[in-house]
Amino acid sequence: MERVDTVGTGRKEYGVGAAGAGSLLHLIAAGRAQSRTALIERSGLSRTTVSQRLASLIAAQFVDETSDTMPSGGRPTRVLTLRTDFALVLVADVGERMVRTAVTTLDPTILAETTTPIDLRQGPLPALRLIAAQFTELLQKIGRAKRDVLGAGLCLPAPVDFHAGRVFGPSILIGWDDFDIRSWLGAEIGAPVFVENDVNLMTLAESRRYWPDVQQLLFIKAGTGIGSGIITDGHIYRGAQGAAGDIGHIQLNSADPPLCRCGKLGCVEARAAGWALARDLRALGYEAEDARDIIRLVNQNEPEAIRRVRDAGRVLGEVTADVVSVLNPSVIVVGGTLSGADEHLLGGVRQLVFERSLPLATRALTIVRARSGDDGGLLGAAQLVTDACLHPDRIEATIMRHARTAEVMER
């Protein structure tokens, strides 16, 4: 542990000894060690080494040793918790017409946010400049500086190559393909940037907050578009190129397949997405542009809108039954704007899944509506940043960036 004389104070300042302390911080942050005894058992380090490194983490304000106690086989031991205020996370949820930006703690809890219209047709730079400016304004609003930022997370309505941090393939983000989002925005905010598609982030938020003990979970987003996210063995499953879960563009056979906005015929999205239902209702004379309009009409008890949503539920159920047969999840969570239709949508999903899947796959299967609501993208982005920056591969750099030295009276 490094010690530096503080001129004229008669005290010493102790900073975190970066080498080794990160492994302990990771164990605490991941919930795998909540006491000194558990740290010794999990880390394999001696009691003296754990005490020294833990003292440095507490002094640097990464960890609290609370007054709460837990049994340890001998004397009760005090509970260790991650301090969720040692750094902040900046997040942006980019929608088709609006962008929500927020600053959160590491829990995550939203501290401040703002919503602004956005025109995605102008390409990445105008949108990213807007997001960077909003980040700066939010930090100023809560009286914090860029040096307090752990990282930033972007939630995008498009296929994302997570490891490259770039949009890939056809999407509503025209002109974003292969643009280096991480480098550009990272230079603006001076912190690491992580980019992920909206469905995976909604999946992460729902899983961590409401189903933390469920190891196999399928999240279906039914909104203006259709997609799914997969939790397997407690982690997001992205596939080889980050394209896993794209159920919206699975094609279903029919005599007259509708044209999807991806250019193919018969996609699930072209039958059950909010834009497709709005298309069909406009043809009947209703005012409808997107999924929110569909829910408005359902809430007004418009029979045709209710019928279309029920049909959409059965389409989703058809493709979900195939996914259940392949992945065998224990929980299916349906979110997105169309989930606001509740049982009008979920009834069809349940019907087809239980009709077409084997009893072994469905005997303990739960199918429910999502609870994260409109905050799912923001909370998932914040969780992604926290997980990444407190991962063993990055945690030492996180400690060096965010350590706060504590003055200790010289003995």
Protein backbone atom coordinates (compact mmCIF):
# COMPACT_ATOMS: atom_id res chain seq x y z
CA MET A 1 0.00 0.00 0.00
CA GLU A 2 1.50 3.31 -1.08
CA ARG A 3 2.09 5.97 1.58
CA VAL A 4 2.68 9.64 0.75
CA ASP A 5 3.67 12.37 3.19
CA THR A 6 1.19 15.24 3.33
CA VAL A 7 3.20 18.40 3.80
CA GLY A 8 2.36 20.45 6.90
CA THR A 9 -0.42 18.19 8.21
CA GLY A 10 1.43 15.72 10.39
CA ARG A 11 -0.61 13.00 8.66
CA LYS A 12 -0.11 10.35 6.03
CA GLU A 13 -2.33 9.63 3.01
CA TYR A 14 -2.89 6.02 2.13
CA GLY A 15 -3.97 5.12 -1.40
CA VAL A 16 -5.25 1.81 -2.67
CA GLY A 17 -2.62 -0.77 -3.44
CA ALA A 18 -4.00 -1.59 -6.88
CA ALA A 19 -2.28 -4.94 -7.27
CA GLY A 20 -4.56 -7.55 -5.74
CA ALA A 21 -7.23 -5.33 -4.22
CA GLY A 22 -9.30 -5.63 -7.38
CA SER A 23 -9.99 -9.33 -6.88
CA LEU A 24 -11.53 -8.58 -3.49
CA LEU A 25 -13.59 -5.71 -4.85
CA HIS A 26 -14.90 -7.95 -7.61
CA LEU A 27 -15.98 -10.61 -5.10
CA ILE A 28 -17.86 -8.01 -3.05
CA ALA A 29 -19.44 -6.32 -6.07
CA ALA A 30 -20.58 -9.65 -7.52
CA GLY A 31 -22.20 -10.61 -4.21
CA ARG A 32 -19.90 -13.61 -3.81
CA ALA A 33 -18.34 -12.41 -0.55
CA GLN A 34 -20.19 -10.34 2.03
CA SER A 35 -17.79 -10.70 4.94
CA ARG A 36 -14.09 -10.91 5.76
CA THR A 37 -14.45 -14.65 6.34
CA ALA A 38 -16.06 -15.13 2.93
CA LEU A 39 -13.30 -13.04 1.28
CA ILE A 40 -10.63 -15.29 2.82
CA GLU A 41 -12.45 -18.42 1.67
CA ARG A 42 -13.21 -17.18 -1.84
CA SER A 43 -9.88 -15.49 -2.56
CA GLY A 44 -7.56 -18.09 -1.03
CA LEU A 45 -5.53 -15.26 0.54
CA SER A 46 -4.33 -15.11 4.11
CA ARG A 47 -6.29 -13.25 6.78
CA THR A 48 -3.52 -10.63 7.03
CA THR A 49 -3.45 -9.98 3.28
CA VAL A 50 -7.24 -9.73 3.09
CA SER A 51 -7.28 -7.31 6.04
CA GLN A 52 -4.64 -5.07 4.45
CA ARG A 53 -6.28 -4.96 1.03
CA LEU A 54 -9.77 -4.56 2.45
CA ALA A 55 -8.53 -1.65 4.58
CA SER A 56 -7.29 0.05 1.43
CA LEU A 57 -10.64 -0.46 -0.32
CA ILE A 58 -12.53 0.97 2.65
CA ALA A 59 -10.14 3.94 2.89
CA ALA A 60 -10.58 4.64 -0.81
CA GLN A 61 -14.38 4.59 -0.32
CA PHE A 62 -15.07 1.63 -2.59
CA VAL A 63 -16.43 -0.58 0.20
CA ASP A 64 -18.35 -0.12 3.45
CA GLU A 65 -18.16 -2.46 6.41
CA THR A 66 -21.61 -1.97 7.89
CA SER A 67 -22.88 -2.42 11.43
CA ASP A 68 -25.06 -5.31 10.24
CA THR A 69 -23.73 -8.74 11.13
CA MET A 70 -24.06 -12.25 9.78
CA PRO A 71 -23.20 -15.63 11.30
CA SER A 72 -19.74 -16.95 10.47
CA GLY A 73 -19.39 -20.15 12.50
CA GLY A 74 -17.77 -18.20 15.33
CA ARG A 75 -18.20 -14.58 16.26
CA PRO A 76 -20.70 -12.73 14.06
CA THR A 77 -18.92 -10.93 11.22
CA ARG A 78 -19.82 -7.51 9.85
CA VAL A 79 -21.36 -7.24 6.39
CA LEU A 80 -19.31 -5.81 3.50
CA THR A 81 -21.10 -3.87 0.77
CA LEU A 82 -20.06 -2.08 -2.39
CA ARG A 83 -20.43 1.69 -2.12
CA THR A 84 -22.72 2.51 -5.02
CA ASP A 85 -21.81 6.20 -4.97
CA PHE A 86 -18.05 5.96 -5.53
CA ALA A 87 -18.69 6.56 -9.24
CA LEU A 88 -21.53 7.43 -11.61
CA VAL A 89 -22.77 5.85 -14.82
CA LEU A 90 -23.99 7.80 -17.85
CA VAL A 91 -26.62 6.08 -20.00
CA ALA A 92 -28.60 6.85 -23.12
CA ASP A 93 -31.63 5.00 -24.49
CA VAL A 94 -31.95 5.87 -28.18
CA GLY A 95 -35.45 5.40 -29.55
CA GLU A 96 -36.82 5.89 -33.03
CA ARG A 97 -37.93 9.45 -32.27
CA MET A 98 -36.60 10.35 -28.81
CA VAL A 99 -33.43 9.84 -26.78
CA ARG A 100 -33.48 9.51 -22.99
CA THR A 101 -30.25 10.23 -21.20
CA ALA A 102 -29.61 9.71 -17.50
CA VAL A 103 -26.99 9.57 -14.79
CA THR A 104 -27.22 6.68 -12.34
CA THR A 105 -25.53 5.19 -9.32
CA LEU A 106 -24.04 1.70 -9.50
CA ASP A 107 -27.19 0.01 -8.07
CA PRO A 108 -28.41 1.28 -10.55
CA THR A 109 -30.69 4.14 -9.42
CA ILE A 110 -31.52 7.02 -11.75
CA LEU A 111 -30.37 10.33 -10.24
CA ALA A 112 -31.33 12.67 -13.08
CA GLU A 113 -32.60 12.29 -16.64
CA THR A 114 -33.79 14.18 -19.68
CA THR A 115 -35.68 13.34 -22.87
CA THR A 116 -35.06 15.04 -26.21
CA PRO A 117 -36.39 14.57 -29.78
CA ILE A 118 -33.88 12.99 -32.15
CA ASP A 119 -33.64 12.51 -35.91
CA LEU A 120 -31.73 9.30 -36.54
CA ARG A 121 -31.69 9.94 -40.29
CA GLN A 122 -28.95 12.54 -39.83
CA GLY A 123 -26.40 9.87 -38.97
CA PRO A 124 -24.35 9.12 -35.86
CA LEU A 125 -22.45 12.36 -35.24
CA PRO A 126 -25.42 14.72 -34.62
CA ALA A 127 -27.00 12.14 -32.30
CA LEU A 128 -23.78 11.46 -30.39
CA ARG A 129 -23.05 15.18 -30.02
CA LEU A 130 -26.52 15.62 -28.56
CA ILE A 131 -25.99 12.72 -26.14
CA ALA A 132 -22.58 14.04 -25.05
CA ALA A 133 -24.04 17.49 -24.42
CA GLN A 134 -26.88 16.01 -22.37
CA PHE A 135 -24.40 13.99 -20.32
CA THR A 136 -22.52 17.19 -19.50
CA GLU A 137 -25.72 19.01 -18.53
CA LEU A 138 -26.86 16.16 -16.27
CA LEU A 139 -23.52 16.04 -14.46
CA GLN A 140 -23.69 19.79 -13.91
CA LYS A 141 -27.25 19.45 -12.66
CA ILE A 142 -26.23 17.09 -9.85
CA GLY A 143 -22.92 18.85 -9.15
CA ARG A 144 -20.56 16.08 -10.29
CA ALA A 145 -17.58 16.07 -12.65
CA LYS A 146 -16.52 13.86 -15.55
CA ARG A 147 -13.79 12.34 -13.38
CA ASP A 148 -16.57 10.73 -11.33
CA VAL A 149 -17.89 8.78 -14.32
CA LEU A 150 -17.29 5.03 -14.27
CA GLY A 151 -18.40 4.67 -17.88
CA ALA A 152 -21.23 5.25 -20.34
CA GLY A 153 -23.72 2.81 -21.83
CA LEU A 154 -25.70 3.26 -25.05
CA CYS A 155 -28.93 1.38 -25.68
CA LEU A 156 -29.54 1.23 -29.44
CA PRO A 157 -32.55 0.02 -31.49
CA ALA A 158 -30.36 -1.91 -33.92
CA PRO A 159 -28.16 -5.00 -34.29
CA VAL A 160 -24.89 -4.35 -32.44
CA ASP A 161 -21.52 -6.07 -32.61
CA PHE A 162 -20.94 -5.82 -28.86
CA HIS A 163 -17.22 -6.58 -28.90
CA ALA A 164 -16.56 -3.98 -31.60
CA GLY A 165 -19.05 -1.48 -30.17
CA ARG A 166 -20.55 -0.79 -33.60
CA VAL A 167 -23.91 -1.04 -35.33
CA PHE A 168 -23.97 -3.71 -37.99
CA GLY A 169 -26.52 -4.57 -40.66
CA PRO A 170 -29.80 -3.06 -41.81
CA SER A 171 -31.65 -1.05 -39.17
CA ILE A 172 -33.37 2.27 -38.54
CA LEU A 173 -29.94 3.72 -37.67
CA ILE A 174 -29.16 4.80 -41.22
CA GLY A 175 -25.47 5.64 -41.71
CA TRP A 176 -24.36 4.21 -38.34
CA ASP A 177 -22.92 0.99 -39.76
CA ASP A 178 -19.32 0.46 -38.63
CA PHE A 179 -19.04 3.92 -37.04
CA ASP A 180 -16.68 3.72 -34.05
CA ILE A 181 -19.14 4.85 -31.37
CA ARG A 182 -16.95 3.85 -28.44
CA SER A 183 -13.89 5.82 -29.53
CA TRP A 184 -15.78 8.98 -30.47
CA LEU A 185 -17.98 9.19 -27.37
CA GLY A 186 -15.22 7.92 -25.09
CA ALA A 187 -13.00 10.82 -26.15
CA GLU A 188 -15.85 13.25 -25.39
CA ILE A 189 -16.58 12.03 -21.87
CA GLY A 190 -13.18 10.69 -20.88
CA ALA A 191 -14.47 7.28 -19.76
CA PRO A 192 -15.09 3.81 -21.22
CA VAL A 193 -18.15 3.44 -23.45
CA PHE A 194 -20.21 0.29 -23.99
CA VAL A 195 -22.78 -0.22 -26.75
CA GLU A 196 -25.53 -2.83 -26.86
CA ASN A 197 -28.86 -3.40 -28.56
CA ASP A 198 -31.99 -2.42 -26.66
CA VAL A 199 -33.42 -5.91 -26.23
CA ASN A 200 -30.32 -7.33 -24.55
CA LEU A 201 -30.25 -4.40 -22.14
CA MET A 202 -33.93 -4.73 -21.29
CA THR A 203 -33.25 -8.43 -20.71
CA LEU A 204 -30.34 -7.64 -18.39
CA ALA A 205 -32.37 -5.14 -16.37
CA GLU A 206 -35.33 -7.49 -15.96
CA SER A 207 -33.12 -10.44 -15.07
CA ARG A 208 -31.00 -8.68 -12.44
CA ARG A 209 -33.79 -6.73 -10.79
CA TYR A 210 -36.67 -9.20 -10.74
CA TRP A 211 -35.29 -12.68 -11.53
CA PRO A 212 -31.77 -12.72 -10.02
CA ASP A 213 -31.92 -16.43 -9.15
CA VAL A 214 -33.20 -17.56 -12.56
CA GLN A 215 -30.39 -18.99 -14.68
CA GLN A 216 -32.37 -19.60 -17.90
CA LEU A 217 -34.62 -16.73 -19.01
CA LEU A 218 -36.06 -15.55 -22.30
CA PHE A 219 -37.09 -11.90 -22.71
CA ILE A 220 -39.35 -10.92 -25.62
CA LYS A 221 -39.62 -7.30 -26.65
CA ALA A 222 -42.92 -6.59 -28.40
CA GLY A 223 -42.92 -2.96 -29.41
CA THR A 224 -42.56 -1.04 -32.63
CA GLY A 225 -40.11 -3.85 -33.47
CA ILE A 226 -39.79 -7.44 -32.25
CA GLY A 227 -36.76 -9.07 -30.65
CA SER A 228 -35.62 -11.25 -27.79
CA GLY A 229 -32.82 -11.51 -25.28
CA ILE A 230 -31.47 -14.72 -23.77
CA ILE A 231 -30.10 -15.34 -20.30
CA THR A 232 -28.30 -18.67 -20.08
CA ASP A 233 -26.48 -19.81 -16.94
CA GLY A 234 -27.10 -16.33 -15.55
CA HIS A 235 -25.40 -14.43 -18.38
CA ILE A 236 -26.49 -12.67 -21.56
CA TYR A 237 -26.07 -14.98 -24.54
CA ARG A 238 -25.07 -13.00 -27.64
CA GLY A 239 -24.02 -15.76 -30.04
CA ALA A 240 -20.95 -15.73 -32.27
CA GLN A 241 -21.52 -12.28 -33.76
CA GLY A 242 -23.98 -10.72 -31.31
CA ALA A 243 -27.02 -11.64 -33.40
CA ALA A 244 -28.62 -14.17 -31.02
CA GLY A 245 -32.28 -13.63 -30.19
CA ASP A 246 -33.34 -11.93 -33.43
CA ILE A 247 -36.73 -13.64 -33.54
CA GLY A 248 -38.32 -10.65 -35.28
CA HIS A 249 -36.87 -11.74 -38.59
CA ILE A 250 -37.68 -15.41 -38.42
CA GLN A 251 -39.95 -16.05 -41.40
CA LEU A 252 -43.28 -17.83 -41.09
CA ASN A 253 -44.81 -19.49 -44.12
CA SER A 254 -48.15 -18.29 -45.52
CA ALA A 255 -49.86 -17.90 -48.88
CA ASP A 256 -49.51 -14.10 -48.89
CA PRO A 257 -46.49 -13.16 -46.72
CA PRO A 258 -46.28 -9.46 -45.78
CA LEU A 259 -43.23 -7.39 -46.67
CA CYS A 260 -40.98 -6.64 -43.71
CA ARG A 261 -39.06 -3.38 -43.42
CA CYS A 262 -35.87 -5.48 -43.62
CA GLY A 263 -36.84 -6.28 -47.22
CA LYS A 264 -37.77 -9.93 -46.67
CA LEU A 265 -41.20 -11.55 -46.79
CA GLY A 266 -43.12 -13.14 -43.93
CA CYS A 267 -41.01 -12.04 -40.94
CA VAL A 268 -42.55 -12.23 -37.47
CA GLU A 269 -42.05 -8.47 -37.20
CA ALA A 270 -44.07 -7.86 -40.38
CA ARG A 271 -47.00 -9.67 -38.74
CA ALA A 272 -46.79 -8.76 -35.04
CA ALA A 273 -44.71 -5.60 -34.51
CA GLY A 274 -46.28 -2.28 -33.60
CA TRP A 275 -45.47 -0.77 -36.99
CA ALA A 276 -47.13 -3.71 -38.77
CA LEU A 277 -50.29 -3.53 -36.64
CA ALA A 278 -50.40 0.23 -37.24
CA ARG A 279 -50.06 -0.39 -40.98
CA ASP A 280 -53.03 -2.75 -40.94
CA LEU A 281 -55.18 -0.45 -38.81
CA ARG A 282 -54.42 2.58 -40.98
CA ALA A 283 -55.71 0.57 -43.94
CA LEU A 284 -59.00 0.32 -42.03
CA GLY A 285 -59.14 4.06 -41.39
CA TYR A 286 -57.64 4.26 -37.87
CA GLU A 287 -55.04 6.84 -36.89
CA ALA A 288 -52.05 4.72 -35.91
CA GLU A 289 -48.32 5.15 -36.48
CA ASP A 290 -46.60 2.98 -33.90
CA ALA A 291 -46.99 0.64 -30.91
CA ARG A 292 -48.10 3.44 -28.56
CA ASP A 293 -51.02 4.19 -30.87
CA ILE A 294 -51.97 0.52 -30.82
CA ILE A 295 -52.11 0.51 -27.01
CA ARG A 296 -54.12 3.73 -27.06
CA LEU A 297 -56.72 2.08 -29.31
CA VAL A 298 -56.77 -1.06 -27.17
CA ASN A 299 -57.35 1.03 -24.05
CA GLN A 300 -60.24 2.69 -25.90
CA ASN A 301 -61.69 -0.81 -26.42
CA GLU A 302 -61.50 -0.61 -30.20
CA PRO A 303 -62.48 -4.17 -31.25
CA GLU A 304 -60.29 -4.23 -34.36
CA ALA A 305 -57.20 -3.12 -32.42
CA ILE A 306 -57.85 -5.77 -29.75
CA ARG A 307 -58.27 -8.44 -32.42
CA ARG A 308 -54.99 -7.46 -34.10
CA VAL A 309 -53.11 -7.55 -30.80
CA ARG A 310 -54.53 -11.00 -29.99
CA ASP A 311 -53.45 -12.24 -33.42
CA ALA A 312 -49.99 -10.75 -32.77
CA GLY A 313 -49.83 -12.68 -29.49
CA ARG A 314 -50.45 -15.94 -31.32
CA VAL A 315 -47.73 -15.09 -33.88
CA LEU A 316 -45.31 -14.43 -31.04
CA GLY A 317 -46.44 -17.64 -29.37
CA GLU A 318 -45.71 -19.61 -32.53
CA VAL A 319 -42.10 -18.47 -32.75
CA THR A 320 -41.64 -18.58 -28.96
CA ALA A 321 -42.70 -22.23 -28.88
CA ASP A 322 -39.80 -23.03 -31.21
CA VAL A 323 -37.40 -21.09 -28.97
CA VAL A 324 -38.69 -22.95 -25.90
CA SER A 325 -37.97 -26.25 -27.61
CA VAL A 326 -34.39 -25.17 -28.30
CA LEU A 327 -33.47 -23.26 -25.12
CA ASN A 328 -35.83 -24.66 -22.45
CA PRO A 329 -36.04 -21.45 -20.34
CA SER A 330 -37.69 -21.51 -16.93
CA VAL A 331 -39.09 -17.98 -17.28
CA ILE A 332 -40.36 -16.02 -20.29
CA VAL A 333 -40.80 -12.28 -19.75
CA VAL A 334 -42.73 -10.23 -22.32
CA GLY A 335 -41.91 -6.52 -22.41
CA GLY A 336 -41.99 -3.62 -24.82
CA THR A 337 -44.83 -1.22 -25.53
CA LEU A 338 -47.26 -3.85 -26.80
CA SER A 339 -47.01 -5.69 -23.48
CA GLY A 340 -49.23 -2.87 -22.19
CA ALA A 341 -52.09 -4.80 -23.80
CA ASP A 342 -51.47 -7.37 -21.05
CA GLU A 343 -53.54 -10.56 -21.48
CA HIS A 344 -54.75 -9.55 -24.95
CA LEU A 345 -51.13 -10.19 -26.02
CA LEU A 346 -49.87 -12.67 -23.40
CA GLY A 347 -52.88 -14.95 -23.78
CA GLY A 348 -51.89 -15.80 -27.35
CA VAL A 349 -48.26 -16.35 -26.37
CA ARG A 350 -49.22 -18.77 -23.60
CA GLN A 351 -51.73 -20.59 -25.80
CA LEU A 352 -49.26 -21.41 -28.58
CA VAL A 353 -46.32 -22.17 -26.30
CA PHE A 354 -48.25 -24.68 -24.19
CA GLU A 355 -49.94 -26.22 -27.25
CA ARG A 356 -46.75 -26.76 -29.25
CA SER A 357 -44.00 -27.40 -26.70
CA LEU A 358 -43.34 -30.70 -24.96
CA PRO A 359 -44.68 -31.08 -21.40
CA LEU A 360 -41.15 -31.48 -20.02
CA ALA A 361 -40.27 -27.99 -21.31
CA THR A 362 -43.44 -26.34 -19.99
CA ARG A 363 -44.26 -28.12 -16.74
CA ALA A 364 -42.51 -25.43 -14.64
CA LEU A 365 -42.49 -22.64 -17.23
CA THR A 366 -43.55 -19.15 -16.15
CA ILE A 367 -44.73 -16.58 -18.73
CA VAL A 368 -45.22 -13.06 -17.35
CA ARG A 369 -45.26 -9.40 -18.30
CA ALA A 370 -42.08 -7.36 -17.72
CA ARG A 371 -41.90 -5.06 -14.71
CA SER A 372 -39.05 -2.70 -15.67
CA GLY A 373 -41.33 -0.56 -17.84
CA ASP A 374 -39.85 2.31 -19.81
CA ASP A 375 -36.69 2.36 -17.66
CA GLY A 376 -35.50 -1.07 -18.79
CA GLY A 377 -33.09 0.21 -21.44
CA LEU A 378 -31.50 2.79 -19.13
CA LEU A 379 -31.17 0.44 -16.17
CA GLY A 380 -29.80 -2.35 -18.36
CA ALA A 381 -27.20 0.00 -19.87
CA ALA A 382 -26.11 1.09 -16.39
CA GLN A 383 -25.84 -2.53 -15.24
CA LEU A 384 -23.79 -3.39 -18.32
CA VAL A 385 -21.28 -0.61 -17.56
CA THR A 386 -20.99 -1.57 -13.89
CA ASP A 387 -20.52 -5.26 -14.70
CA ALA A 388 -17.85 -4.48 -17.29
CA CYS A 389 -15.87 -2.00 -15.20
CA LEU A 390 -15.93 -4.24 -12.12
CA HIS A 391 -14.99 -7.33 -14.11
CA PRO A 392 -11.61 -8.85 -13.14
CA ASP A 393 -10.15 -7.81 -16.52
CA ARG A 394 -10.89 -4.11 -15.87
CA ILE A 395 -11.21 -3.72 -12.13
CA GLU A 396 -7.62 -2.71 -11.45
CA ALA A 397 -7.95 0.19 -13.93
CA THR A 398 -11.24 1.15 -12.29
CA ILE A 399 -9.57 1.24 -8.87
CA MET A 400 -6.70 3.42 -10.10
CA ARG A 401 -9.12 5.86 -11.72
CA HIS A 402 -11.61 6.21 -8.89
CA ALA A 403 -9.64 5.67 -5.67
CA ARG A 404 -10.16 8.43 -3.11
CA THR A 405 -7.28 8.69 -0.62
CA ALA A 406 -8.16 8.82 3.04
CA GLU A 407 -6.10 10.79 5.56
CA VAL A 408 -5.08 8.62 8.48
CA MET A 409 -3.45 9.99 11.61
CA GLU A 410 0.14 8.86 11.85
CA ARG A 411 0.76 6.65 14.79
